[in-house]
Amino acid sequence: MSTPEYATAVLTEVDTLELAALAELRSPEAVAAFEMLHSSIRPETAARFVELLAIINELSGPDFAVAASLDLLAAVDNSTDLALVVGAAPTLDDPITALALAQLLRTIHQD
């Protein structure tokens, strides 16, 4: 008896990253974020995108916009890169963008 072909398939790194992102599409807000940002995701940024989707899922619900604003305020409060915040301010017209900026600020602060 031969081994089925699918049993020997190995997931590539990109396959694994795609599956991780798809697994996070558990809320309407996460689906909206995926629709908004998926075309700009690259393998080197995919892990951060999955983290962003997880944050969005955690905050999703009726007060999503308020929770996103509070998350951004906390990230700004802990950041020293106010030029980035000021530069991005005109684009902060939705909670998903606010959370993406908050995540970027946290990433910069960690590095």
PDB file of N, CA and C in Angstrom:
ATOM      1  N   MET A   1       0.848  -1.185   0.000  1.00  0.00           N
ATOM      2  CA  MET A   1       0.000   0.000   0.000  1.00  0.00           C
ATOM      3  C   MET A   1       0.888   1.241   0.000  1.00  0.00           C
ATOM      4  N   SER A   2       0.578   2.169  -0.857  1.00  0.00           N
ATOM      5  CA  SER A   2       1.392   3.378  -0.958  1.00  0.00           C
ATOM      6  C   SER A   2       0.901   4.455  -0.001  1.00  0.00           C
ATOM      7  N   THR A   3       1.810   5.345   0.349  1.00  0.00           N
ATOM      8  CA  THR A   3       1.479   6.469   1.227  1.00  0.00           C
ATOM      9  C   THR A   3       0.737   7.514   0.412  1.00  0.00           C
ATOM     10  N   PRO A   4      -0.389   8.006   0.921  1.00  0.00           N
ATOM     11  CA  PRO A   4      -1.108   9.066   0.192  1.00  0.00           C
ATOM     12  C   PRO A   4      -0.210  10.280  -0.006  1.00  0.00           C
ATOM     13  N   GLU A   5      -0.346  10.936  -1.136  1.00  0.00           N
ATOM     14  CA  GLU A   5       0.494  12.078  -1.477  1.00  0.00           C
ATOM     15  C   GLU A   5       0.392  13.209  -0.464  1.00  0.00           C
ATOM     16  N   TYR A   6      -0.806  13.451   0.056  1.00  0.00           N
ATOM     17  CA  TYR A   6      -0.988  14.542   1.013  1.00  0.00           C
ATOM     18  C   TYR A   6      -0.293  14.293   2.333  1.00  0.00           C
ATOM     19  N   ALA A   7      -0.007  13.070   2.661  1.00  0.00           N
ATOM     20  CA  ALA A   7       0.638  12.745   3.931  1.00  0.00           C
ATOM     21  C   ALA A   7       2.098  13.205   3.949  1.00  0.00           C
ATOM     22  N   THR A   8       2.695  13.395   2.791  1.00  0.00           N
ATOM     23  CA  THR A   8       4.097  13.802   2.752  1.00  0.00           C
ATOM     24  C   THR A   8       4.269  15.296   2.510  1.00  0.00           C
ATOM     25  N   ALA A   9       3.185  16.013   2.348  1.00  0.00           N
ATOM     26  CA  ALA A   9       3.271  17.453   2.105  1.00  0.00           C
ATOM     27  C   ALA A   9       3.765  18.163   3.363  1.00  0.00           C
ATOM     28  N   VAL A  10       4.624  19.125   3.143  1.00  0.00           N
ATOM     29  CA  VAL A  10       5.168  19.926   4.242  1.00  0.00           C
ATOM     30  C   VAL A  10       4.764  21.372   3.995  1.00  0.00           C
ATOM     31  N   LEU A  11       4.283  22.017   5.042  1.00  0.00           N
ATOM     32  CA  LEU A  11       3.894  23.421   4.913  1.00  0.00           C
ATOM     33  C   LEU A  11       5.127  24.305   4.839  1.00  0.00           C
ATOM     34  N   THR A  12       5.078  25.235   3.941  1.00  0.00           N
ATOM     35  CA  THR A  12       6.154  26.217   3.868  1.00  0.00           C
ATOM     36  C   THR A  12       5.936  27.264   4.950  1.00  0.00           C
ATOM     37  N   GLU A  13       6.907  28.121   5.132  1.00  0.00           N
ATOM     38  CA  GLU A  13       6.764  29.205   6.109  1.00  0.00           C
ATOM     39  C   GLU A  13       5.593  30.118   5.732  1.00  0.00           C
ATOM     40  N   VAL A  14       5.450  30.399   4.454  1.00  0.00           N
ATOM     41  CA  VAL A  14       4.354  31.254   3.988  1.00  0.00           C
ATOM     42  C   VAL A  14       3.013  30.574   4.235  1.00  0.00           C
ATOM     43  N   ASP A  15       2.940  29.256   3.992  1.00  0.00           N
ATOM     44  CA  ASP A  15       1.707  28.517   4.264  1.00  0.00           C
ATOM     45  C   ASP A  15       1.329  28.628   5.736  1.00  0.00           C
ATOM     46  N   THR A  16       2.303  28.473   6.596  1.00  0.00           N
ATOM     47  CA  THR A  16       2.071  28.548   8.042  1.00  0.00           C
ATOM     48  C   THR A  16       1.589  29.935   8.448  1.00  0.00           C
ATOM     49  N   LEU A  17       2.197  30.968   7.875  1.00  0.00           N
ATOM     50  CA  LEU A  17       1.790  32.341   8.182  1.00  0.00           C
ATOM     51  C   LEU A  17       0.371  32.621   7.688  1.00  0.00           C
ATOM     52  N   GLU A  18       0.053  32.134   6.500  1.00  0.00           N
ATOM     53  CA  GLU A  18      -1.303  32.323   5.973  1.00  0.00           C
ATOM     54  C   GLU A  18      -2.327  31.630   6.853  1.00  0.00           C
ATOM     55  N   LEU A  19      -2.042  30.421   7.275  1.00  0.00           N
ATOM     56  CA  LEU A  19      -2.965  29.703   8.151  1.00  0.00           C
ATOM     57  C   LEU A  19      -3.138  30.414   9.485  1.00  0.00           C
ATOM     58  N   ALA A  20      -2.066  30.962  10.017  1.00  0.00           N
ATOM     59  CA  ALA A  20      -2.153  31.698  11.284  1.00  0.00           C
ATOM     60  C   ALA A  20      -3.051  32.918  11.131  1.00  0.00           C
ATOM     61  N   ALA A  21      -2.921  33.637  10.017  1.00  0.00           N
ATOM     62  CA  ALA A  21      -3.765  34.817   9.785  1.00  0.00           C
ATOM     63  C   ALA A  21      -5.224  34.399   9.614  1.00  0.00           C
ATOM     64  N   LEU A  22      -5.463  33.376   8.833  1.00  0.00           N
ATOM     65  CA  LEU A  22      -6.843  32.925   8.620  1.00  0.00           C
ATOM     66  C   LEU A  22      -7.487  32.432   9.911  1.00  0.00           C
ATOM     67  N   ALA A  23      -6.694  31.849  10.786  1.00  0.00           N
ATOM     68  CA  ALA A  23      -7.223  31.362  12.064  1.00  0.00           C
ATOM     69  C   ALA A  23      -7.688  32.498  12.964  1.00  0.00           C
ATOM     70  N   GLU A  24      -7.174  33.696  12.732  1.00  0.00           N
ATOM     71  CA  GLU A  24      -7.557  34.856  13.543  1.00  0.00           C
ATOM     72  C   GLU A  24      -8.795  35.585  13.020  1.00  0.00           C
ATOM     73  N   LEU A  25      -9.385  35.138  11.948  1.00  0.00           N
ATOM     74  CA  LEU A  25     -10.564  35.817  11.393  1.00  0.00           C
ATOM     75  C   LEU A  25     -11.820  35.355  12.136  1.00  0.00           C
ATOM     76  N   ARG A  26     -11.879  35.710  13.417  1.00  0.00           N
ATOM     77  CA  ARG A  26     -12.954  35.246  14.292  1.00  0.00           C
ATOM     78  C   ARG A  26     -13.957  36.326  14.667  1.00  0.00           C
ATOM     79  N   SER A  27     -13.762  37.533  14.186  1.00  0.00           N
ATOM     80  CA  SER A  27     -14.697  38.610  14.506  1.00  0.00           C
ATOM     81  C   SER A  27     -14.903  39.456  13.257  1.00  0.00           C
ATOM     82  N   PRO A  28     -16.022  40.164  13.189  1.00  0.00           N
ATOM     83  CA  PRO A  28     -16.239  41.045  12.029  1.00  0.00           C
ATOM     84  C   PRO A  28     -15.138  42.090  11.881  1.00  0.00           C
ATOM     85  N   GLU A  29     -14.619  42.567  13.002  1.00  0.00           N
ATOM     86  CA  GLU A  29     -13.558  43.571  12.960  1.00  0.00           C
ATOM     87  C   GLU A  29     -12.265  42.983  12.387  1.00  0.00           C
ATOM     88  N   ALA A  30     -11.952  41.733  12.746  1.00  0.00           N
ATOM     89  CA  ALA A  30     -10.757  41.079  12.212  1.00  0.00           C
ATOM     90  C   ALA A  30     -10.900  40.849  10.708  1.00  0.00           C
ATOM     91  N   VAL A  31     -12.089  40.472  10.275  1.00  0.00           N
ATOM     92  CA  VAL A  31     -12.329  40.288   8.836  1.00  0.00           C
ATOM     93  C   VAL A  31     -12.169  41.623   8.113  1.00  0.00           C
ATOM     94  N   ALA A  32     -12.679  42.694   8.698  1.00  0.00           N
ATOM     95  CA  ALA A  32     -12.526  44.026   8.095  1.00  0.00           C
ATOM     96  C   ALA A  32     -11.049  44.415   8.007  1.00  0.00           C
ATOM     97  N   ALA A  33     -10.287  44.120   9.052  1.00  0.00           N
ATOM     98  CA  ALA A  33      -8.852  44.422   9.037  1.00  0.00           C
ATOM     99  C   ALA A  33      -8.146  43.616   7.954  1.00  0.00           C
ATOM    100  N   PHE A  34      -8.523  42.353   7.825  1.00  0.00           N
ATOM    101  CA  PHE A  34      -7.920  41.515   6.792  1.00  0.00           C
ATOM    102  C   PHE A  34      -8.226  42.080   5.409  1.00  0.00           C
ATOM    103  N   GLU A  35      -9.477  42.462   5.183  1.00  0.00           N
ATOM    104  CA  GLU A  35      -9.865  43.029   3.896  1.00  0.00           C
ATOM    105  C   GLU A  35      -9.108  44.325   3.608  1.00  0.00           C
ATOM    106  N   MET A  36      -8.892  45.116   4.640  1.00  0.00           N
ATOM    107  CA  MET A  36      -8.227  46.409   4.477  1.00  0.00           C
ATOM    108  C   MET A  36      -6.725  46.258   4.224  1.00  0.00           C
ATOM    109  N   LEU A  37      -6.099  45.303   4.891  1.00  0.00           N
ATOM    110  CA  LEU A  37      -4.641  45.265   4.921  1.00  0.00           C
ATOM    111  C   LEU A  37      -3.989  44.077   4.209  1.00  0.00           C
ATOM    112  N   HIS A  38      -4.757  43.086   3.807  1.00  0.00           N
ATOM    113  CA  HIS A  38      -4.133  41.849   3.311  1.00  0.00           C
ATOM    114  C   HIS A  38      -3.211  42.056   2.114  1.00  0.00           C
ATOM    115  N   SER A  39      -3.497  43.010   1.271  1.00  0.00           N
ATOM    116  CA  SER A  39      -2.657  43.197   0.086  1.00  0.00           C
ATOM    117  C   SER A  39      -1.277  43.767   0.423  1.00  0.00           C
ATOM    118  N   SER A  40      -1.132  44.331   1.603  1.00  0.00           N
ATOM    119  CA  SER A  40       0.160  44.910   1.975  1.00  0.00           C
ATOM    120  C   SER A  40       0.983  43.993   2.875  1.00  0.00           C
ATOM    121  N   ILE A  41       0.464  42.817   3.189  1.00  0.00           N
ATOM    122  CA  ILE A  41       1.172  41.901   4.081  1.00  0.00           C
ATOM    123  C   ILE A  41       2.247  41.143   3.300  1.00  0.00           C
ATOM    124  N   ARG A  42       3.430  41.111   3.862  1.00  0.00           N
ATOM    125  CA  ARG A  42       4.565  40.385   3.296  1.00  0.00           C
ATOM    126  C   ARG A  42       5.002  39.332   4.315  1.00  0.00           C
ATOM    127  N   PRO A  43       5.717  38.311   3.885  1.00  0.00           N
ATOM    128  CA  PRO A  43       6.156  37.284   4.843  1.00  0.00           C
ATOM    129  C   PRO A  43       6.884  37.851   6.056  1.00  0.00           C
ATOM    130  N   GLU A  44       7.667  38.905   5.851  1.00  0.00           N
ATOM    131  CA  GLU A  44       8.418  39.466   6.983  1.00  0.00           C
ATOM    132  C   GLU A  44       7.543  40.255   7.951  1.00  0.00           C
ATOM    133  N   THR A  45       6.333  40.628   7.549  1.00  0.00           N
ATOM    134  CA  THR A  45       5.427  41.356   8.447  1.00  0.00           C
ATOM    135  C   THR A  45       4.210  40.530   8.854  1.00  0.00           C
ATOM    136  N   ALA A  46       4.131  39.306   8.363  1.00  0.00           N
ATOM    137  CA  ALA A  46       2.942  38.479   8.607  1.00  0.00           C
ATOM    138  C   ALA A  46       2.729  38.177  10.098  1.00  0.00           C
ATOM    139  N   ALA A  47       3.773  37.925  10.817  1.00  0.00           N
ATOM    140  CA  ALA A  47       3.625  37.618  12.248  1.00  0.00           C
ATOM    141  C   ALA A  47       3.023  38.804  13.003  1.00  0.00           C
ATOM    142  N   ARG A  48       3.465  40.024  12.661  1.00  0.00           N
ATOM    143  CA  ARG A  48       2.877  41.216  13.305  1.00  0.00           C
ATOM    144  C   ARG A  48       1.415  41.364  12.917  1.00  0.00           C
ATOM    145  N   PHE A  49       1.065  41.017  11.675  1.00  0.00           N
ATOM    146  CA  PHE A  49      -0.320  41.094  11.228  1.00  0.00           C
ATOM    147  C   PHE A  49      -1.182  40.107  12.016  1.00  0.00           C
ATOM    148  N   VAL A  50      -0.674  38.918  12.250  1.00  0.00           N
ATOM    149  CA  VAL A  50      -1.410  37.934  13.042  1.00  0.00           C
ATOM    150  C   VAL A  50      -1.609  38.456  14.464  1.00  0.00           C
ATOM    151  N   GLU A  51      -0.585  39.086  15.030  1.00  0.00           N
ATOM    152  CA  GLU A  51      -0.711  39.685  16.365  1.00  0.00           C
ATOM    153  C   GLU A  51      -1.773  40.783  16.370  1.00  0.00           C
ATOM    154  N   LEU A  52      -1.793  41.596  15.319  1.00  0.00           N
ATOM    155  CA  LEU A  52      -2.796  42.656  15.208  1.00  0.00           C
ATOM    156  C   LEU A  52      -4.196  42.058  15.160  1.00  0.00           C
ATOM    157  N   LEU A  53      -4.383  41.007  14.391  1.00  0.00           N
ATOM    158  CA  LEU A  53      -5.697  40.357  14.328  1.00  0.00           C
ATOM    159  C   LEU A  53      -6.104  39.805  15.690  1.00  0.00           C
ATOM    160  N   ALA A  54      -5.151  39.267  16.426  1.00  0.00           N
ATOM    161  CA  ALA A  54      -5.453  38.756  17.765  1.00  0.00           C
ATOM    162  C   ALA A  54      -5.893  39.889  18.695  1.00  0.00           C
ATOM    163  N   ILE A  55      -5.229  41.028  18.611  1.00  0.00           N
ATOM    164  CA  ILE A  55      -5.616  42.196  19.409  1.00  0.00           C
ATOM    165  C   ILE A  55      -7.024  42.647  19.020  1.00  0.00           C
ATOM    166  N   ILE A  56      -7.279  42.696  17.733  1.00  0.00           N
ATOM    167  CA  ILE A  56      -8.604  43.105  17.246  1.00  0.00           C
ATOM    168  C   ILE A  56      -9.671  42.153  17.760  1.00  0.00           C
ATOM    169  N   ASN A  57      -9.415  40.863  17.717  1.00  0.00           N
ATOM    170  CA  ASN A  57     -10.385  39.890  18.233  1.00  0.00           C
ATOM    171  C   ASN A  57     -10.649  40.107  19.721  1.00  0.00           C
ATOM    172  N   GLU A  58      -9.596  40.402  20.446  1.00  0.00           N
ATOM    173  CA  GLU A  58      -9.727  40.615  21.895  1.00  0.00           C
ATOM    174  C   GLU A  58     -10.595  41.839  22.204  1.00  0.00           C
ATOM    175  N   LEU A  59     -10.475  42.866  21.387  1.00  0.00           N
ATOM    176  CA  LEU A  59     -11.202  44.116  21.636  1.00  0.00           C
ATOM    177  C   LEU A  59     -12.546  44.197  20.913  1.00  0.00           C
ATOM    178  N   SER A  60     -12.844  43.227  20.062  1.00  0.00           N
ATOM    179  CA  SER A  60     -14.052  43.309  19.234  1.00  0.00           C
ATOM    180  C   SER A  60     -15.312  43.334  20.094  1.00  0.00           C
ATOM    181  N   GLY A  61     -16.324  43.960  19.550  1.00  0.00           N
ATOM    182  CA  GLY A  61     -17.596  44.063  20.243  1.00  0.00           C
ATOM    183  C   GLY A  61     -18.188  45.439  20.047  1.00  0.00           C
ATOM    184  N   PRO A  62     -19.259  45.717  20.793  1.00  0.00           N
ATOM    185  CA  PRO A  62     -19.967  46.987  20.588  1.00  0.00           C
ATOM    186  C   PRO A  62     -19.139  48.234  20.877  1.00  0.00           C
ATOM    187  N   ASP A  63     -18.161  48.127  21.754  1.00  0.00           N
ATOM    188  CA  ASP A  63     -17.326  49.284  22.105  1.00  0.00           C
ATOM    189  C   ASP A  63     -15.947  49.199  21.460  1.00  0.00           C
ATOM    190  N   PHE A  64     -15.885  48.586  20.294  1.00  0.00           N
ATOM    191  CA  PHE A  64     -14.605  48.373  19.622  1.00  0.00           C
ATOM    192  C   PHE A  64     -13.861  49.676  19.370  1.00  0.00           C
ATOM    193  N   ALA A  65     -14.540  50.679  18.864  1.00  0.00           N
ATOM    194  CA  ALA A  65     -13.883  51.956  18.551  1.00  0.00           C
ATOM    195  C   ALA A  65     -13.306  52.604  19.812  1.00  0.00           C
ATOM    196  N   VAL A  66     -14.041  52.549  20.900  1.00  0.00           N
ATOM    197  CA  VAL A  66     -13.559  53.120  22.165  1.00  0.00           C
ATOM    198  C   VAL A  66     -12.350  52.332  22.662  1.00  0.00           C
ATOM    199  N   ALA A  67     -12.441  51.010  22.612  1.00  0.00           N
ATOM    200  CA  ALA A  67     -11.335  50.169  23.071  1.00  0.00           C
ATOM    201  C   ALA A  67     -10.086  50.410  22.221  1.00  0.00           C
ATOM    202  N   ALA A  68     -10.272  50.578  20.911  1.00  0.00           N
ATOM    203  CA  ALA A  68      -9.137  50.849  20.025  1.00  0.00           C
ATOM    204  C   ALA A  68      -8.507  52.196  20.361  1.00  0.00           C
ATOM    205  N   SER A  69      -9.324  53.203  20.618  1.00  0.00           N
ATOM    206  CA  SER A  69      -8.804  54.527  20.988  1.00  0.00           C
ATOM    207  C   SER A  69      -8.021  54.464  22.287  1.00  0.00           C
ATOM    208  N   LEU A  70      -8.532  53.727  23.263  1.00  0.00           N
ATOM    209  CA  LEU A  70      -7.828  53.593  24.545  1.00  0.00           C
ATOM    210  C   LEU A  70      -6.510  52.844  24.377  1.00  0.00           C
ATOM    211  N   ASP A  71      -6.507  51.840  23.511  1.00  0.00           N
ATOM    212  CA  ASP A  71      -5.283  51.095  23.247  1.00  0.00           C
ATOM    213  C   ASP A  71      -4.237  52.008  22.608  1.00  0.00           C
ATOM    214  N   LEU A  72      -4.667  52.828  21.673  1.00  0.00           N
ATOM    215  CA  LEU A  72      -3.748  53.772  21.037  1.00  0.00           C
ATOM    216  C   LEU A  72      -3.235  54.790  22.048  1.00  0.00           C
ATOM    217  N   LEU A  73      -4.101  55.303  22.890  1.00  0.00           N
ATOM    218  CA  LEU A  73      -3.655  56.264  23.912  1.00  0.00           C
ATOM    219  C   LEU A  73      -2.612  55.654  24.833  1.00  0.00           C
ATOM    220  N   ALA A  74      -2.810  54.401  25.222  1.00  0.00           N
ATOM    221  CA  ALA A  74      -1.831  53.721  26.080  1.00  0.00           C
ATOM    222  C   ALA A  74      -0.498  53.571  25.354  1.00  0.00           C
ATOM    223  N   ALA A  75      -0.544  53.219  24.068  1.00  0.00           N
ATOM    224  CA  ALA A  75       0.695  53.070  23.299  1.00  0.00           C
ATOM    225  C   ALA A  75       1.399  54.405  23.126  1.00  0.00           C
ATOM    226  N   VAL A  76       0.639  55.475  22.880  1.00  0.00           N
ATOM    227  CA  VAL A  76       1.224  56.814  22.742  1.00  0.00           C
ATOM    228  C   VAL A  76       1.846  57.246  24.058  1.00  0.00           C
ATOM    229  N   ASP A  77       1.179  56.954  25.153  1.00  0.00           N
ATOM    230  CA  ASP A  77       1.678  57.326  26.473  1.00  0.00           C
ATOM    231  C   ASP A  77       3.020  56.666  26.773  1.00  0.00           C
ATOM    232  N   ASN A  78       3.223  55.455  26.249  1.00  0.00           N
ATOM    233  CA  ASN A  78       4.471  54.726  26.498  1.00  0.00           C
ATOM    234  C   ASN A  78       5.514  54.958  25.415  1.00  0.00           C
ATOM    235  N   SER A  79       5.212  55.785  24.436  1.00  0.00           N
ATOM    236  CA  SER A  79       6.110  55.991  23.306  1.00  0.00           C
ATOM    237  C   SER A  79       6.854  57.309  23.435  1.00  0.00           C
ATOM    238  N   THR A  80       8.028  57.310  22.848  1.00  0.00           N
ATOM    239  CA  THR A  80       8.789  58.559  22.768  1.00  0.00           C
ATOM    240  C   THR A  80       8.810  59.076  21.337  1.00  0.00           C
ATOM    241  N   ASP A  81       8.156  58.366  20.429  1.00  0.00           N
ATOM    242  CA  ASP A  81       8.174  58.736  19.008  1.00  0.00           C
ATOM    243  C   ASP A  81       6.913  59.519  18.652  1.00  0.00           C
ATOM    244  N   LEU A  82       6.793  60.708  19.204  1.00  0.00           N
ATOM    245  CA  LEU A  82       5.617  61.526  18.953  1.00  0.00           C
ATOM    246  C   LEU A  82       5.554  62.034  17.523  1.00  0.00           C
ATOM    247  N   ALA A  83       6.682  62.135  16.847  1.00  0.00           N
ATOM    248  CA  ALA A  83       6.678  62.567  15.443  1.00  0.00           C
ATOM    249  C   ALA A  83       5.911  61.572  14.589  1.00  0.00           C
ATOM    250  N   LEU A  84       6.067  60.292  14.878  1.00  0.00           N
ATOM    251  CA  LEU A  84       5.322  59.264  14.153  1.00  0.00           C
ATOM    252  C   LEU A  84       3.830  59.413  14.397  1.00  0.00           C
ATOM    253  N   VAL A  85       3.457  59.662  15.644  1.00  0.00           N
ATOM    254  CA  VAL A  85       2.047  59.826  15.992  1.00  0.00           C
ATOM    255  C   VAL A  85       1.453  61.043  15.294  1.00  0.00           C
ATOM    256  N   VAL A  86       2.169  62.147  15.332  1.00  0.00           N
ATOM    257  CA  VAL A  86       1.697  63.372  14.688  1.00  0.00           C
ATOM    258  C   VAL A  86       1.585  63.171  13.179  1.00  0.00           C
ATOM    259  N   GLY A  87       2.561  62.515  12.598  1.00  0.00           N
ATOM    260  CA  GLY A  87       2.532  62.255  11.165  1.00  0.00           C
ATOM    261  C   GLY A  87       1.396  61.338  10.750  1.00  0.00           C
ATOM    262  N   ALA A  88       1.038  60.400  11.606  1.00  0.00           N
ATOM    263  CA  ALA A  88      -0.023  59.445  11.282  1.00  0.00           C
ATOM    264  C   ALA A  88      -1.410  59.948  11.656  1.00  0.00           C
ATOM    265  N   ALA A  89      -1.487  60.980  12.447  1.00  0.00           N
ATOM    266  CA  ALA A  89      -2.774  61.473  12.947  1.00  0.00           C
ATOM    267  C   ALA A  89      -3.828  61.701  11.867  1.00  0.00           C
ATOM    268  N   PRO A  90      -3.485  62.284  10.721  1.00  0.00           N
ATOM    269  CA  PRO A  90      -4.524  62.505   9.706  1.00  0.00           C
ATOM    270  C   PRO A  90      -5.129  61.220   9.139  1.00  0.00           C
ATOM    271  N   THR A  91      -4.431  60.086   9.285  1.00  0.00           N
ATOM    272  CA  THR A  91      -4.944  58.822   8.741  1.00  0.00           C
ATOM    273  C   THR A  91      -5.712  58.006   9.766  1.00  0.00           C
ATOM    274  N   LEU A  92      -5.815  58.504  10.968  1.00  0.00           N
ATOM    275  CA  LEU A  92      -6.465  57.736  12.039  1.00  0.00           C
ATOM    276  C   LEU A  92      -7.976  57.946  12.037  1.00  0.00           C
ATOM    277  N   ASP A  93      -8.606  57.553  10.963  1.00  0.00           N
ATOM    278  CA  ASP A  93     -10.041  57.761  10.861  1.00  0.00           C
ATOM    279  C   ASP A  93     -10.852  56.518  11.183  1.00  0.00           C
ATOM    280  N   ASP A  94     -10.201  55.421  11.552  1.00  0.00           N
ATOM    281  CA  ASP A  94     -10.946  54.224  11.928  1.00  0.00           C
ATOM    282  C   ASP A  94     -10.179  53.458  13.003  1.00  0.00           C
ATOM    283  N   PRO A  95     -10.873  52.617  13.762  1.00  0.00           N
ATOM    284  CA  PRO A  95     -10.232  51.915  14.878  1.00  0.00           C
ATOM    285  C   PRO A  95      -9.148  50.924  14.444  1.00  0.00           C
ATOM    286  N   ILE A  96      -9.283  50.325  13.277  1.00  0.00           N
ATOM    287  CA  ILE A  96      -8.285  49.361  12.822  1.00  0.00           C
ATOM    288  C   ILE A  96      -6.956  50.061  12.574  1.00  0.00           C
ATOM    289  N   THR A  97      -6.999  51.214  11.964  1.00  0.00           N
ATOM    290  CA  THR A  97      -5.773  51.993  11.734  1.00  0.00           C
ATOM    291  C   THR A  97      -5.172  52.427  13.059  1.00  0.00           C
ATOM    292  N   ALA A  98      -6.015  52.806  13.999  1.00  0.00           N
ATOM    293  CA  ALA A  98      -5.528  53.204  15.323  1.00  0.00           C
ATOM    294  C   ALA A  98      -4.802  52.042  15.999  1.00  0.00           C
ATOM    295  N   LEU A  99      -5.373  50.841  15.903  1.00  0.00           N
ATOM    296  CA  LEU A  99      -4.728  49.683  16.515  1.00  0.00           C
ATOM    297  C   LEU A  99      -3.433  49.318  15.797  1.00  0.00           C
ATOM    298  N   ALA A 100      -3.397  49.483  14.480  1.00  0.00           N
ATOM    299  CA  ALA A 100      -2.170  49.209  13.743  1.00  0.00           C
ATOM    300  C   ALA A 100      -1.064  50.165  14.174  1.00  0.00           C
ATOM    301  N   LEU A 101      -1.406  51.436  14.363  1.00  0.00           N
ATOM    302  CA  LEU A 101      -0.422  52.410  14.836  1.00  0.00           C
ATOM    303  C   LEU A 101       0.014  52.080  16.261  1.00  0.00           C
ATOM    304  N   ALA A 102      -0.918  51.710  17.113  1.00  0.00           N
ATOM    305  CA  ALA A 102      -0.578  51.339  18.490  1.00  0.00           C
ATOM    306  C   ALA A 102       0.394  50.162  18.497  1.00  0.00           C
ATOM    307  N   GLN A 103       0.126  49.180  17.645  1.00  0.00           N
ATOM    308  CA  GLN A 103       1.017  48.027  17.573  1.00  0.00           C
ATOM    309  C   GLN A 103       2.400  48.442  17.070  1.00  0.00           C
ATOM    310  N   LEU A 104       2.450  49.310  16.077  1.00  0.00           N
ATOM    311  CA  LEU A 104       3.732  49.798  15.566  1.00  0.00           C
ATOM    312  C   LEU A 104       4.514  50.526  16.656  1.00  0.00           C
ATOM    313  N   LEU A 105       3.828  51.361  17.415  1.00  0.00           N
ATOM    314  CA  LEU A 105       4.490  52.079  18.506  1.00  0.00           C
ATOM    315  C   LEU A 105       5.044  51.107  19.545  1.00  0.00           C
ATOM    316  N   ARG A 106       4.271  50.084  19.876  1.00  0.00           N
ATOM    317  CA  ARG A 106       4.753  49.087  20.844  1.00  0.00           C
ATOM    318  C   ARG A 106       5.961  48.326  20.289  1.00  0.00           C
ATOM    319  N   THR A 107       5.922  48.014  19.002  1.00  0.00           N
ATOM    320  CA  THR A 107       7.039  47.298  18.371  1.00  0.00           C
ATOM    321  C   THR A 107       8.298  48.149  18.397  1.00  0.00           C
ATOM    322  N   ILE A 108       8.174  49.415  18.060  1.00  0.00           N
ATOM    323  CA  ILE A 108       9.325  50.334  18.086  1.00  0.00           C
ATOM    324  C   ILE A 108       9.864  50.446  19.516  1.00  0.00           C
ATOM    325  N   HIS A 109       8.962  50.546  20.477  1.00  0.00           N
ATOM    326  CA  HIS A 109       9.353  50.690  21.883  1.00  0.00           C
ATOM    327  C   HIS A 109      10.099  49.445  22.376  1.00  0.00           C
ATOM    328  N   GLN A 110       9.713  48.256  21.877  1.00  0.00           N
ATOM    329  CA  GLN A 110      10.365  47.006  22.293  1.00  0.00           C
ATOM    330  C   GLN A 110      11.752  46.856  21.696  1.00  0.00           C
ATOM    331  N   ASP A 111      11.940  47.374  20.479  1.00  0.00           N
ATOM    332  CA  ASP A 111      13.232  47.202  19.783  1.00  0.00           C
ATOM    333  C   ASP A 111      14.299  48.127  20.280  1.00  0.00           C
TER     334      ASP A 111
END
